[in-house]
Structure formats: structure tokens, C-alpha cells
Amino acid sequence: MPTDRATGKPVQQTLQSVPAGKIVAESMFGCWVNLLDKGGTRGDGPYRKNVDYDSTLWRKALHKAFPNSGGKRTTVFTTASHVRSLRNRAAHHEPLIQGVPLRGQNDGGRRARRLPLPDAHAEVLRLVEYIDKDVSTWLGQTSRVPELIRVRP
């Protein structure tokens, strides 16, 4: 059994000693978005395998986390991907004036398709609405983002 380099303990024992809340709290946003994808081939070398997140995760459990989404994994995944693009762009202090570039999508040429900032803000509210309509309504009523976009384009 492989051992954890930091502790010298077998990996299985190390993972069992980590509280579930810590794993959830320290997982990156991209990890959660990727779990909403359909799956495909994951891993490298001997750990490479085909996974079907739609059957194993979405239909069995994850759809319950998004009760207002209409039950479509692809809808939630697309919205979450757009929010991830916005989050990454902002977190890395990259310009947002021209909109949020969407990974893997182009404008018909070689440039990335961009999501205008008002649409990106709407995507954030939409993702929250999939989880809780009341919170989404509150965020929409209290957010200063539309005003800031208007006065500081």
C-alpha cells in the first residue's frame, strides 16, 4: 500500500483521518464544476479510466443540490463553467472590460467567445437560483454589480 510522504502512514489510513468537511472546504471550485460534466476519460497511466458522472453522480445525488435547475445536468454545468471563467479571470486580476473569455469556445475565428459582464453577472445569479431562489432574489436586489458596470464600464 502506498504511503503518504508527509506522515509516512498508509494512504488509506491518512484519508480516513481527514474530516469530510475539510475535503469539501479545500476542494477548488473547478473540481466541483468538473463533477457536473458528463465524465469521459480521467486520470493518467494505470489510473486512467472512463467515468460517467451523469449516471454515477448527477442522477443519483447531485441533481438534488440544484432543485431549481429543471434537472438538466448540462444546464447546470454550462452555467457553472461560465461562473468559473468569471471567477478565474477576476481572481487572477485579469481585465474584464471586454467580457469573460469562455474556454473552448470561439467567435467563429480564432478568438475566444466572450461573455459580456452583465450576462456573466446574470449567470452567477442563475447558478445561485438553481440552488435557492430566495437567496438569488436577495443577491439580485442587493448586488451593486449592475450599477458599477453602468457607471464604470
Foldseek 3Di string as FASTA:
>chain_A
DDADPVPRHRPVVVVVPDDPVVVVVPDDLVVVLVLLDQWQWDDDDPVTDTDGSVVPPLVVDPLVQQVQQVSDSVSLSVLSQLLVQVVVCVVVVHDDCVAGFRPPDPPVDPHGDGDHPVRSVVSVLVNVVSRPVVVSVVCVVPPCSVVCNVVPD
